[in-house]
Amino acid sequence: MTRKGELPDKLQQCVFGLEQLLAQLDASDHRAALKAAAPLLAQLTAEDDWLPLRYAQADPDRYQQYLLYLDPLQRFCIVSFVWGPGQSTPIHDHTVWGLISVLRGAERCQRFRPDPGSDRLQGQDSYLLIPGDVDCVSPSPCVSCGDIHQVSNALADGVSVSIHIYGGDIGTITRNCYQDGRCQPFVSGYSNEDLS
């Protein structure tokens, strides 16, 4: 489904809108990209009637990250995240700007910031995301949302699905996860690499 001709109409409209916006913006201006793209993501997730079932399938062992669309210029990608009950990410960063909006269910997000006095992270606010909410991540010091967080399914007995837009090909970018006080590089890939 990663080619324009295969996209559901609502997703295709979002892609066209992002292409137009990003053609007019400086790619390094995270604040402008987030502000411009957030309404497009909110519109995309306003109704839960467009995501094909195969991109909303949970796995009993780990959360899934399905590539829905990759811009040919790699300015952005659109991804669905699917969370089974009790599933969560490690604490991680993104290194690019990103937007998250819940399509169904609910997610819990906890932000982290580097502790200036040590090599550890400080836990910040934890909050709930429900359908209609749009959240952001960015490594830019000009954007207050920060880039390090941990996300989990807030439903103990159901599946949650969120749609993410990132300012690059998030599945191929070397990022960091933070475990036991150590920073470890990783590349996430996509759960549907055989389909994309």
N, C-alpha and C. Protein backbone atom coordinates (compact mmCIF):
# COMPACT_ATOMS: atom_id res chain seq x y z
N MET A 1 0.83 -1.20 0.00
CA MET A 1 0.00 0.00 0.00
C MET A 1 0.86 1.25 0.00
N THR A 2 2.14 1.14 -0.17
CA THR A 2 3.01 2.30 -0.02
C THR A 2 3.10 3.17 -1.26
N ARG A 3 2.40 2.82 -2.34
CA ARG A 3 2.38 3.66 -3.55
C ARG A 3 1.07 4.44 -3.59
N LYS A 4 1.14 5.65 -4.12
CA LYS A 4 -0.03 6.55 -4.11
C LYS A 4 -1.28 5.92 -4.69
N GLY A 5 -1.17 5.19 -5.79
CA GLY A 5 -2.34 4.61 -6.42
C GLY A 5 -3.04 3.56 -5.58
N GLU A 6 -2.35 3.04 -4.56
CA GLU A 6 -2.92 2.00 -3.70
C GLU A 6 -3.52 2.56 -2.41
N LEU A 7 -3.36 3.84 -2.19
CA LEU A 7 -3.75 4.42 -0.90
C LEU A 7 -5.26 4.65 -0.81
N PRO A 8 -5.84 4.41 0.36
CA PRO A 8 -7.23 4.84 0.58
C PRO A 8 -7.34 6.35 0.37
N ASP A 9 -8.50 6.81 -0.05
CA ASP A 9 -8.69 8.23 -0.38
C ASP A 9 -8.25 9.16 0.74
N LYS A 10 -8.61 8.87 1.97
CA LYS A 10 -8.27 9.77 3.09
C LYS A 10 -6.76 9.85 3.29
N LEU A 11 -6.09 8.72 3.16
CA LEU A 11 -4.63 8.72 3.30
C LEU A 11 -3.99 9.45 2.13
N GLN A 12 -4.53 9.26 0.94
CA GLN A 12 -4.00 9.94 -0.24
C GLN A 12 -4.13 11.46 -0.09
N GLN A 13 -5.24 11.93 0.45
CA GLN A 13 -5.42 13.37 0.68
C GLN A 13 -4.38 13.90 1.65
N CYS A 14 -4.09 13.13 2.70
CA CYS A 14 -3.07 13.53 3.67
C CYS A 14 -1.70 13.61 2.99
N VAL A 15 -1.37 12.62 2.17
CA VAL A 15 -0.09 12.59 1.45
C VAL A 15 0.04 13.82 0.56
N PHE A 16 -0.98 14.13 -0.22
CA PHE A 16 -0.93 15.29 -1.10
C PHE A 16 -0.74 16.58 -0.29
N GLY A 17 -1.46 16.69 0.82
CA GLY A 17 -1.32 17.87 1.67
C GLY A 17 0.09 18.01 2.22
N LEU A 18 0.67 16.90 2.68
CA LEU A 18 2.03 16.94 3.21
C LEU A 18 3.03 17.31 2.13
N GLU A 19 2.86 16.77 0.93
CA GLU A 19 3.77 17.10 -0.16
C GLU A 19 3.76 18.60 -0.45
N GLN A 20 2.56 19.18 -0.49
CA GLN A 20 2.45 20.61 -0.76
C GLN A 20 3.08 21.45 0.35
N LEU A 21 2.81 21.07 1.60
CA LEU A 21 3.34 21.83 2.74
C LEU A 21 4.86 21.74 2.79
N LEU A 22 5.40 20.55 2.67
CA LEU A 22 6.83 20.37 2.84
C LEU A 22 7.62 20.95 1.67
N ALA A 23 6.99 21.09 0.52
CA ALA A 23 7.67 21.74 -0.61
C ALA A 23 7.89 23.22 -0.34
N GLN A 24 7.11 23.79 0.59
CA GLN A 24 7.20 25.22 0.89
C GLN A 24 8.02 25.52 2.14
N LEU A 25 8.42 24.49 2.89
CA LEU A 25 9.08 24.70 4.18
C LEU A 25 10.56 24.36 4.12
N ASP A 26 11.30 24.97 5.00
CA ASP A 26 12.69 24.59 5.25
C ASP A 26 12.66 23.29 6.05
N ALA A 27 13.28 22.24 5.53
CA ALA A 27 13.21 20.91 6.16
C ALA A 27 13.76 20.91 7.58
N SER A 28 14.62 21.84 7.91
CA SER A 28 15.20 21.86 9.26
C SER A 28 14.32 22.61 10.27
N ASP A 29 13.26 23.23 9.81
CA ASP A 29 12.37 23.99 10.70
C ASP A 29 11.29 23.05 11.26
N HIS A 30 11.64 22.35 12.33
CA HIS A 30 10.73 21.37 12.92
C HIS A 30 9.44 22.01 13.41
N ARG A 31 9.55 23.18 14.01
CA ARG A 31 8.35 23.85 14.54
C ARG A 31 7.34 24.10 13.42
N ALA A 32 7.80 24.61 12.27
CA ALA A 32 6.90 24.89 11.15
C ALA A 32 6.32 23.60 10.58
N ALA A 33 7.15 22.56 10.46
CA ALA A 33 6.66 21.28 9.92
C ALA A 33 5.59 20.69 10.83
N LEU A 34 5.83 20.69 12.13
CA LEU A 34 4.85 20.15 13.07
C LEU A 34 3.55 20.93 13.04
N LYS A 35 3.66 22.24 13.04
CA LYS A 35 2.46 23.09 13.04
C LYS A 35 1.64 22.90 11.77
N ALA A 36 2.34 22.77 10.62
CA ALA A 36 1.63 22.63 9.35
C ALA A 36 1.03 21.24 9.17
N ALA A 37 1.73 20.22 9.64
CA ALA A 37 1.28 18.84 9.41
C ALA A 37 0.26 18.35 10.43
N ALA A 38 0.22 18.93 11.62
CA ALA A 38 -0.69 18.45 12.67
C ALA A 38 -2.16 18.45 12.24
N PRO A 39 -2.67 19.51 11.58
CA PRO A 39 -4.08 19.46 11.16
C PRO A 39 -4.36 18.36 10.13
N LEU A 40 -3.38 18.06 9.28
CA LEU A 40 -3.57 16.99 8.30
C LEU A 40 -3.69 15.64 8.99
N LEU A 41 -2.86 15.41 10.02
CA LEU A 41 -2.95 14.15 10.76
C LEU A 41 -4.25 14.09 11.55
N ALA A 42 -4.65 15.19 12.15
CA ALA A 42 -5.92 15.21 12.90
C ALA A 42 -7.09 14.89 11.98
N GLN A 43 -7.06 15.41 10.78
CA GLN A 43 -8.13 15.14 9.82
C GLN A 43 -8.11 13.66 9.40
N LEU A 44 -6.92 13.11 9.22
CA LEU A 44 -6.80 11.70 8.81
C LEU A 44 -7.36 10.77 9.88
N THR A 45 -7.13 11.08 11.14
CA THR A 45 -7.56 10.18 12.22
C THR A 45 -8.91 10.55 12.82
N ALA A 46 -9.57 11.53 12.23
CA ALA A 46 -10.88 11.95 12.76
C ALA A 46 -11.94 10.86 12.61
N GLU A 47 -11.79 10.02 11.59
CA GLU A 47 -12.73 8.92 11.38
C GLU A 47 -11.95 7.63 11.18
N ASP A 48 -12.39 6.59 11.84
CA ASP A 48 -11.70 5.30 11.79
C ASP A 48 -12.40 4.39 10.78
N ASP A 49 -12.27 4.74 9.50
CA ASP A 49 -12.96 3.96 8.47
C ASP A 49 -12.10 3.73 7.23
N TRP A 50 -10.80 3.92 7.32
CA TRP A 50 -9.98 3.88 6.11
C TRP A 50 -8.77 2.94 6.18
N LEU A 51 -8.32 2.57 7.37
CA LEU A 51 -7.09 1.78 7.50
C LEU A 51 -7.37 0.31 7.18
N PRO A 52 -6.72 -0.25 6.14
CA PRO A 52 -6.92 -1.67 5.83
C PRO A 52 -6.56 -2.57 7.02
N LEU A 53 -7.30 -3.64 7.17
CA LEU A 53 -7.14 -4.54 8.31
C LEU A 53 -5.72 -5.05 8.47
N ARG A 54 -5.03 -5.33 7.37
CA ARG A 54 -3.70 -5.91 7.50
C ARG A 54 -2.69 -4.94 8.11
N TYR A 55 -3.01 -3.65 8.14
CA TYR A 55 -2.13 -2.66 8.77
C TYR A 55 -2.62 -2.28 10.18
N ALA A 56 -3.54 -3.08 10.70
CA ALA A 56 -4.06 -2.86 12.04
C ALA A 56 -4.02 -4.15 12.86
N GLN A 57 -3.21 -5.11 12.41
CA GLN A 57 -3.13 -6.42 13.07
C GLN A 57 -2.12 -6.39 14.22
N ALA A 58 -2.58 -6.78 15.39
CA ALA A 58 -1.68 -6.89 16.54
C ALA A 58 -0.93 -8.22 16.47
N ASP A 59 0.20 -8.27 17.12
CA ASP A 59 0.99 -9.49 17.26
C ASP A 59 1.07 -9.77 18.76
N PRO A 60 0.93 -11.03 19.19
CA PRO A 60 0.93 -11.29 20.63
C PRO A 60 2.27 -11.04 21.31
N ASP A 61 3.35 -10.97 20.53
CA ASP A 61 4.68 -10.85 21.14
C ASP A 61 5.21 -9.43 21.23
N ARG A 62 4.83 -8.57 20.28
CA ARG A 62 5.38 -7.21 20.30
C ARG A 62 4.51 -6.28 19.46
N TYR A 63 4.65 -4.98 19.74
CA TYR A 63 3.90 -4.00 18.95
C TYR A 63 4.37 -4.05 17.51
N GLN A 64 3.52 -3.61 16.60
CA GLN A 64 3.81 -3.64 15.17
C GLN A 64 3.92 -2.21 14.63
N GLN A 65 4.84 -2.02 13.67
CA GLN A 65 5.05 -0.73 13.02
C GLN A 65 4.96 -0.97 11.51
N TYR A 66 3.80 -0.59 10.94
CA TYR A 66 3.55 -0.83 9.51
C TYR A 66 3.77 0.44 8.70
N LEU A 67 4.60 0.35 7.67
CA LEU A 67 4.79 1.47 6.76
C LEU A 67 3.56 1.58 5.86
N LEU A 68 2.91 2.74 5.88
CA LEU A 68 1.76 2.99 5.02
C LEU A 68 2.18 3.76 3.77
N TYR A 69 3.09 4.71 3.94
CA TYR A 69 3.54 5.50 2.79
C TYR A 69 4.90 6.10 3.08
N LEU A 70 5.79 6.05 2.09
CA LEU A 70 7.10 6.69 2.16
C LEU A 70 7.21 7.66 0.99
N ASP A 71 7.42 8.92 1.29
CA ASP A 71 7.61 9.94 0.27
C ASP A 71 8.83 9.57 -0.58
N PRO A 72 8.73 9.63 -1.91
CA PRO A 72 9.85 9.27 -2.77
C PRO A 72 11.12 10.08 -2.48
N LEU A 73 10.96 11.30 -1.97
CA LEU A 73 12.11 12.13 -1.61
C LEU A 73 12.54 11.91 -0.16
N GLN A 74 11.88 11.01 0.53
CA GLN A 74 12.13 10.67 1.93
C GLN A 74 12.01 11.87 2.87
N ARG A 75 11.12 12.81 2.50
CA ARG A 75 10.86 13.94 3.39
C ARG A 75 9.96 13.54 4.55
N PHE A 76 9.15 12.48 4.34
CA PHE A 76 8.25 12.03 5.40
C PHE A 76 7.82 10.60 5.12
N CYS A 77 7.32 9.97 6.16
CA CYS A 77 6.66 8.68 6.02
C CYS A 77 5.44 8.68 6.93
N ILE A 78 4.48 7.81 6.61
CA ILE A 78 3.28 7.64 7.43
C ILE A 78 3.23 6.18 7.84
N VAL A 79 3.02 5.94 9.13
CA VAL A 79 3.15 4.62 9.71
C VAL A 79 1.97 4.36 10.64
N SER A 80 1.49 3.11 10.68
CA SER A 80 0.53 2.74 11.72
C SER A 80 1.27 1.92 12.78
N PHE A 81 0.98 2.23 14.04
CA PHE A 81 1.50 1.45 15.15
C PHE A 81 0.32 0.69 15.76
N VAL A 82 0.53 -0.59 16.02
CA VAL A 82 -0.55 -1.43 16.55
C VAL A 82 -0.04 -2.07 17.84
N TRP A 83 -0.81 -1.89 18.90
CA TRP A 83 -0.41 -2.33 20.22
C TRP A 83 -1.39 -3.38 20.74
N GLY A 84 -0.89 -4.55 21.08
CA GLY A 84 -1.69 -5.53 21.79
C GLY A 84 -1.74 -5.15 23.26
N PRO A 85 -2.60 -5.80 24.05
CA PRO A 85 -2.70 -5.51 25.48
C PRO A 85 -1.33 -5.64 26.16
N GLY A 86 -0.98 -4.63 26.96
CA GLY A 86 0.25 -4.68 27.74
C GLY A 86 1.52 -4.37 26.97
N GLN A 87 1.45 -4.08 25.70
CA GLN A 87 2.67 -3.85 24.92
C GLN A 87 3.14 -2.41 25.03
N SER A 88 4.47 -2.25 24.97
CA SER A 88 5.06 -0.91 25.04
C SER A 88 6.39 -0.89 24.31
N THR A 89 6.83 0.31 24.00
CA THR A 89 8.15 0.49 23.41
C THR A 89 9.18 0.57 24.53
N PRO A 90 10.45 0.39 24.20
CA PRO A 90 11.47 0.83 25.15
C PRO A 90 11.50 2.36 25.15
N ILE A 91 12.20 2.96 26.09
CA ILE A 91 12.44 4.40 26.03
C ILE A 91 13.32 4.63 24.81
N HIS A 92 12.92 5.58 23.95
CA HIS A 92 13.64 5.76 22.68
C HIS A 92 13.53 7.20 22.18
N ASP A 93 14.39 7.53 21.21
CA ASP A 93 14.29 8.81 20.54
C ASP A 93 13.98 8.61 19.07
N HIS A 94 13.91 9.70 18.31
CA HIS A 94 13.50 9.64 16.90
C HIS A 94 14.49 10.30 15.96
N THR A 95 15.15 11.35 16.40
CA THR A 95 16.14 12.15 15.66
C THR A 95 15.53 12.97 14.52
N VAL A 96 14.24 12.85 14.27
CA VAL A 96 13.51 13.65 13.28
C VAL A 96 12.21 14.12 13.94
N TRP A 97 11.56 15.10 13.33
CA TRP A 97 10.26 15.53 13.87
C TRP A 97 9.22 14.44 13.62
N GLY A 98 8.22 14.39 14.48
CA GLY A 98 7.17 13.39 14.31
C GLY A 98 5.88 13.82 14.97
N LEU A 99 4.78 13.28 14.44
CA LEU A 99 3.44 13.52 14.98
C LEU A 99 2.76 12.18 15.20
N ILE A 100 1.97 12.09 16.27
CA ILE A 100 1.28 10.86 16.64
C ILE A 100 -0.18 11.21 16.89
N SER A 101 -1.09 10.38 16.36
CA SER A 101 -2.51 10.56 16.66
C SER A 101 -3.16 9.19 16.79
N VAL A 102 -3.91 9.00 17.84
CA VAL A 102 -4.57 7.71 18.08
C VAL A 102 -5.78 7.59 17.16
N LEU A 103 -5.84 6.45 16.48
CA LEU A 103 -6.98 6.16 15.59
C LEU A 103 -8.05 5.38 16.35
N ARG A 104 -7.61 4.41 17.15
CA ARG A 104 -8.56 3.65 17.99
C ARG A 104 -7.86 3.20 19.26
N GLY A 105 -8.63 3.07 20.32
CA GLY A 105 -8.06 2.69 21.61
C GLY A 105 -7.48 3.88 22.34
N ALA A 106 -6.38 3.66 23.05
CA ALA A 106 -5.73 4.72 23.83
C ALA A 106 -4.28 4.33 24.08
N GLU A 107 -3.43 5.33 24.17
CA GLU A 107 -2.01 5.11 24.45
C GLU A 107 -1.57 5.96 25.62
N ARG A 108 -0.63 5.43 26.37
CA ARG A 108 -0.01 6.20 27.45
C ARG A 108 1.39 6.56 27.01
N CYS A 109 1.74 7.83 27.17
CA CYS A 109 3.06 8.32 26.77
C CYS A 109 3.75 8.91 28.00
N GLN A 110 5.02 8.56 28.16
CA GLN A 110 5.85 9.17 29.21
C GLN A 110 7.06 9.79 28.54
N ARG A 111 7.26 11.07 28.79
CA ARG A 111 8.41 11.79 28.24
C ARG A 111 9.62 11.67 29.18
N PHE A 112 10.79 11.78 28.59
CA PHE A 112 12.04 11.77 29.34
C PHE A 112 12.94 12.87 28.80
N ARG A 113 13.78 13.41 29.69
CA ARG A 113 14.78 14.39 29.29
C ARG A 113 16.12 13.99 29.91
N PRO A 114 17.21 14.31 29.20
CA PRO A 114 18.53 14.03 29.79
C PRO A 114 18.70 14.81 31.10
N ASP A 115 19.26 14.18 32.10
CA ASP A 115 19.58 14.84 33.37
C ASP A 115 20.91 15.55 33.18
N PRO A 116 20.92 16.89 33.30
CA PRO A 116 22.17 17.61 33.05
C PRO A 116 23.29 17.25 34.02
N GLY A 117 22.96 16.68 35.18
CA GLY A 117 23.98 16.34 36.17
C GLY A 117 24.49 14.92 36.09
N SER A 118 23.96 14.12 35.15
CA SER A 118 24.39 12.72 35.06
C SER A 118 24.17 12.21 33.65
N ASP A 119 24.46 10.93 33.46
CA ASP A 119 24.21 10.30 32.16
C ASP A 119 22.83 9.66 32.09
N ARG A 120 22.00 9.92 33.07
CA ARG A 120 20.68 9.29 33.15
C ARG A 120 19.60 10.18 32.56
N LEU A 121 18.42 9.59 32.42
CA LEU A 121 17.25 10.33 31.96
C LEU A 121 16.34 10.65 33.14
N GLN A 122 15.68 11.79 33.06
CA GLN A 122 14.68 12.16 34.05
C GLN A 122 13.30 11.92 33.45
N GLY A 123 12.47 11.16 34.17
CA GLY A 123 11.09 10.98 33.74
C GLY A 123 10.34 12.28 33.88
N GLN A 124 9.56 12.61 32.87
CA GLN A 124 8.74 13.82 32.89
C GLN A 124 7.28 13.42 33.02
N ASP A 125 6.42 14.23 32.47
CA ASP A 125 4.99 13.97 32.56
C ASP A 125 4.59 12.70 31.82
N SER A 126 3.59 12.02 32.35
CA SER A 126 2.97 10.87 31.70
C SER A 126 1.53 11.27 31.41
N TYR A 127 1.04 10.93 30.23
CA TYR A 127 -0.30 11.37 29.86
C TYR A 127 -0.94 10.38 28.91
N LEU A 128 -2.26 10.48 28.81
CA LEU A 128 -3.07 9.59 27.99
C LEU A 128 -3.39 10.26 26.65
N LEU A 129 -3.27 9.48 25.57
CA LEU A 129 -3.69 9.94 24.24
C LEU A 129 -4.90 9.11 23.83
N ILE A 130 -5.96 9.78 23.42
CA ILE A 130 -7.17 9.11 22.97
C ILE A 130 -7.48 9.60 21.55
N PRO A 131 -8.41 8.94 20.84
CA PRO A 131 -8.72 9.40 19.49
C PRO A 131 -9.04 10.90 19.47
N GLY A 132 -8.45 11.58 18.52
CA GLY A 132 -8.60 13.02 18.41
C GLY A 132 -7.41 13.80 18.91
N ASP A 133 -6.60 13.19 19.78
CA ASP A 133 -5.40 13.86 20.29
C ASP A 133 -4.28 13.76 19.25
N VAL A 134 -3.46 14.80 19.18
CA VAL A 134 -2.26 14.79 18.35
C VAL A 134 -1.09 15.19 19.24
N ASP A 135 -0.04 14.39 19.21
CA ASP A 135 1.15 14.63 20.03
C ASP A 135 2.34 14.79 19.09
N CYS A 136 3.46 15.31 19.61
CA CYS A 136 4.62 15.51 18.75
C CYS A 136 5.91 15.08 19.43
N VAL A 137 6.93 14.86 18.61
CA VAL A 137 8.30 14.62 19.07
C VAL A 137 9.22 15.41 18.16
N SER A 138 10.34 15.87 18.73
CA SER A 138 11.33 16.59 17.93
C SER A 138 12.61 16.75 18.72
N PRO A 139 13.77 16.53 18.07
CA PRO A 139 15.04 16.77 18.75
C PRO A 139 15.42 18.25 18.75
N SER A 140 14.68 19.09 18.06
CA SER A 140 15.02 20.51 17.97
C SER A 140 14.83 21.21 19.30
N PRO A 141 15.81 21.97 19.75
CA PRO A 141 15.64 22.72 21.01
C PRO A 141 14.58 23.81 20.90
N CYS A 142 14.16 24.14 19.67
CA CYS A 142 13.13 25.17 19.46
C CYS A 142 11.72 24.62 19.65
N VAL A 143 11.60 23.30 19.86
CA VAL A 143 10.30 22.67 20.02
C VAL A 143 10.23 22.07 21.42
N SER A 144 9.22 22.42 22.17
CA SER A 144 9.18 22.05 23.59
C SER A 144 8.79 20.60 23.86
N CYS A 145 8.30 19.86 22.87
CA CYS A 145 7.80 18.51 23.16
C CYS A 145 8.91 17.50 23.44
N GLY A 146 10.14 17.75 23.01
CA GLY A 146 11.24 16.82 23.27
C GLY A 146 11.20 15.62 22.33
N ASP A 147 12.22 14.78 22.41
CA ASP A 147 12.37 13.68 21.46
C ASP A 147 12.44 12.31 22.11
N ILE A 148 12.47 12.23 23.43
CA ILE A 148 12.64 10.93 24.10
C ILE A 148 11.36 10.58 24.84
N HIS A 149 10.82 9.40 24.54
CA HIS A 149 9.62 8.97 25.25
C HIS A 149 9.50 7.45 25.25
N GLN A 150 8.50 7.00 25.99
CA GLN A 150 8.10 5.60 25.99
C GLN A 150 6.59 5.58 25.81
N VAL A 151 6.10 4.70 24.93
CA VAL A 151 4.68 4.64 24.62
C VAL A 151 4.16 3.24 24.91
N SER A 152 2.97 3.15 25.45
CA SER A 152 2.37 1.85 25.73
C SER A 152 0.87 1.89 25.45
N ASN A 153 0.32 0.70 25.25
CA ASN A 153 -1.12 0.56 25.08
C ASN A 153 -1.77 0.84 26.43
N ALA A 154 -2.69 1.76 26.46
CA ALA A 154 -3.39 2.08 27.71
C ALA A 154 -4.54 1.14 28.00
N LEU A 155 -4.87 0.26 27.05
CA LEU A 155 -5.97 -0.69 27.24
C LEU A 155 -5.41 -2.02 27.74
N ALA A 156 -5.94 -2.51 28.83
CA ALA A 156 -5.48 -3.79 29.37
C ALA A 156 -6.05 -4.98 28.62
N ASP A 157 -7.15 -4.77 27.89
CA ASP A 157 -7.82 -5.90 27.26
C ASP A 157 -8.21 -5.64 25.81
N GLY A 158 -7.53 -4.71 25.15
CA GLY A 158 -7.88 -4.40 23.77
C GLY A 158 -6.68 -3.92 22.98
N VAL A 159 -6.87 -3.79 21.69
CA VAL A 159 -5.84 -3.33 20.77
C VAL A 159 -5.98 -1.82 20.57
N SER A 160 -4.86 -1.12 20.51
CA SER A 160 -4.85 0.31 20.19
C SER A 160 -4.05 0.51 18.90
N VAL A 161 -4.48 1.48 18.11
CA VAL A 161 -3.82 1.78 16.83
C VAL A 161 -3.61 3.29 16.75
N SER A 162 -2.39 3.68 16.40
CA SER A 162 -2.10 5.10 16.19
C SER A 162 -1.43 5.28 14.84
N ILE A 163 -1.59 6.48 14.29
CA ILE A 163 -0.99 6.84 13.01
C ILE A 163 0.08 7.90 13.29
N HIS A 164 1.26 7.68 12.71
CA HIS A 164 2.40 8.56 12.94
C HIS A 164 2.89 9.12 11.60
N ILE A 165 3.31 10.37 11.63
CA ILE A 165 4.00 10.99 10.50
C ILE A 165 5.38 11.39 11.01
N TYR A 166 6.42 11.00 10.29
CA TYR A 166 7.78 11.36 10.66
C TYR A 166 8.45 12.12 9.53
N GLY A 167 9.38 13.00 9.88
CA GLY A 167 10.11 13.80 8.91
C GLY A 167 11.30 13.05 8.33
N GLY A 168 11.07 11.85 7.85
CA GLY A 168 12.10 11.01 7.25
C GLY A 168 11.59 9.58 7.20
N ASP A 169 12.43 8.66 6.77
CA ASP A 169 12.07 7.24 6.70
C ASP A 169 12.42 6.59 8.03
N ILE A 170 11.50 6.65 8.98
CA ILE A 170 11.78 6.27 10.37
C ILE A 170 12.27 4.82 10.50
N GLY A 171 11.88 3.95 9.59
CA GLY A 171 12.29 2.55 9.68
C GLY A 171 13.73 2.30 9.33
N THR A 172 14.40 3.28 8.70
CA THR A 172 15.80 3.11 8.30
C THR A 172 16.76 4.03 9.04
N ILE A 173 16.23 4.91 9.88
CA ILE A 173 17.06 5.89 10.59
C ILE A 173 17.66 5.25 11.84
N THR A 174 18.95 5.44 12.04
CA THR A 174 19.59 4.97 13.27
C THR A 174 19.17 5.89 14.41
N ARG A 175 18.53 5.29 15.41
CA ARG A 175 18.03 6.03 16.57
C ARG A 175 18.62 5.41 17.82
N ASN A 176 18.11 5.79 18.98
CA ASN A 176 18.64 5.28 20.24
C ASN A 176 17.53 4.79 21.15
N CYS A 177 17.78 3.68 21.83
CA CYS A 177 16.91 3.29 22.94
C CYS A 177 17.75 3.36 24.20
N TYR A 178 17.07 3.55 25.31
CA TYR A 178 17.74 3.80 26.58
C TYR A 178 17.29 2.74 27.56
N GLN A 179 18.21 1.82 27.88
CA GLN A 179 17.89 0.73 28.80
C GLN A 179 18.98 0.61 29.85
N ASP A 180 18.59 0.47 31.08
CA ASP A 180 19.54 0.30 32.19
C ASP A 180 20.59 1.41 32.21
N GLY A 181 20.16 2.64 31.90
CA GLY A 181 21.06 3.77 31.93
C GLY A 181 22.02 3.85 30.75
N ARG A 182 21.87 2.96 29.78
CA ARG A 182 22.75 2.96 28.62
C ARG A 182 21.98 3.36 27.37
N CYS A 183 22.66 4.07 26.50
CA CYS A 183 22.10 4.47 25.20
C CYS A 183 22.59 3.46 24.17
N GLN A 184 21.65 2.83 23.48
CA GLN A 184 22.00 1.81 22.49
C GLN A 184 21.38 2.16 21.14
N PRO A 185 22.19 2.23 20.08
CA PRO A 185 21.63 2.53 18.75
C PRO A 185 20.79 1.38 18.23
N PHE A 186 19.77 1.71 17.47
CA PHE A 186 18.94 0.69 16.83
C PHE A 186 18.30 1.26 15.56
N VAL A 187 17.88 0.37 14.68
CA VAL A 187 17.11 0.72 13.49
C VAL A 187 15.85 -0.13 13.57
N SER A 188 14.69 0.51 13.56
CA SER A 188 13.44 -0.20 13.85
C SER A 188 12.95 -1.09 12.72
N GLY A 189 13.18 -0.70 11.47
CA GLY A 189 12.58 -1.44 10.37
C GLY A 189 11.07 -1.29 10.40
N TYR A 190 10.40 -2.14 9.61
CA TYR A 190 8.94 -2.14 9.56
C TYR A 190 8.44 -3.57 9.68
N SER A 191 7.29 -3.74 10.28
CA SER A 191 6.69 -5.06 10.42
C SER A 191 6.24 -5.63 9.08
N ASN A 192 6.02 -4.77 8.10
CA ASN A 192 5.55 -5.21 6.78
C ASN A 192 6.61 -5.03 5.71
N GLU A 193 7.88 -5.25 6.04
CA GLU A 193 8.94 -5.05 5.06
C GLU A 193 8.76 -5.96 3.85
N ASP A 194 8.18 -7.11 4.06
CA ASP A 194 7.93 -8.01 2.93
C ASP A 194 6.80 -7.52 2.03
N LEU A 195 5.98 -6.57 2.54
CA LEU A 195 4.84 -6.07 1.77
C LEU A 195 5.13 -4.72 1.13
N SER A 196 6.13 -4.01 1.61
CA SER A 196 6.34 -2.61 1.16
C SER A 196 7.18 -2.51 -0.08
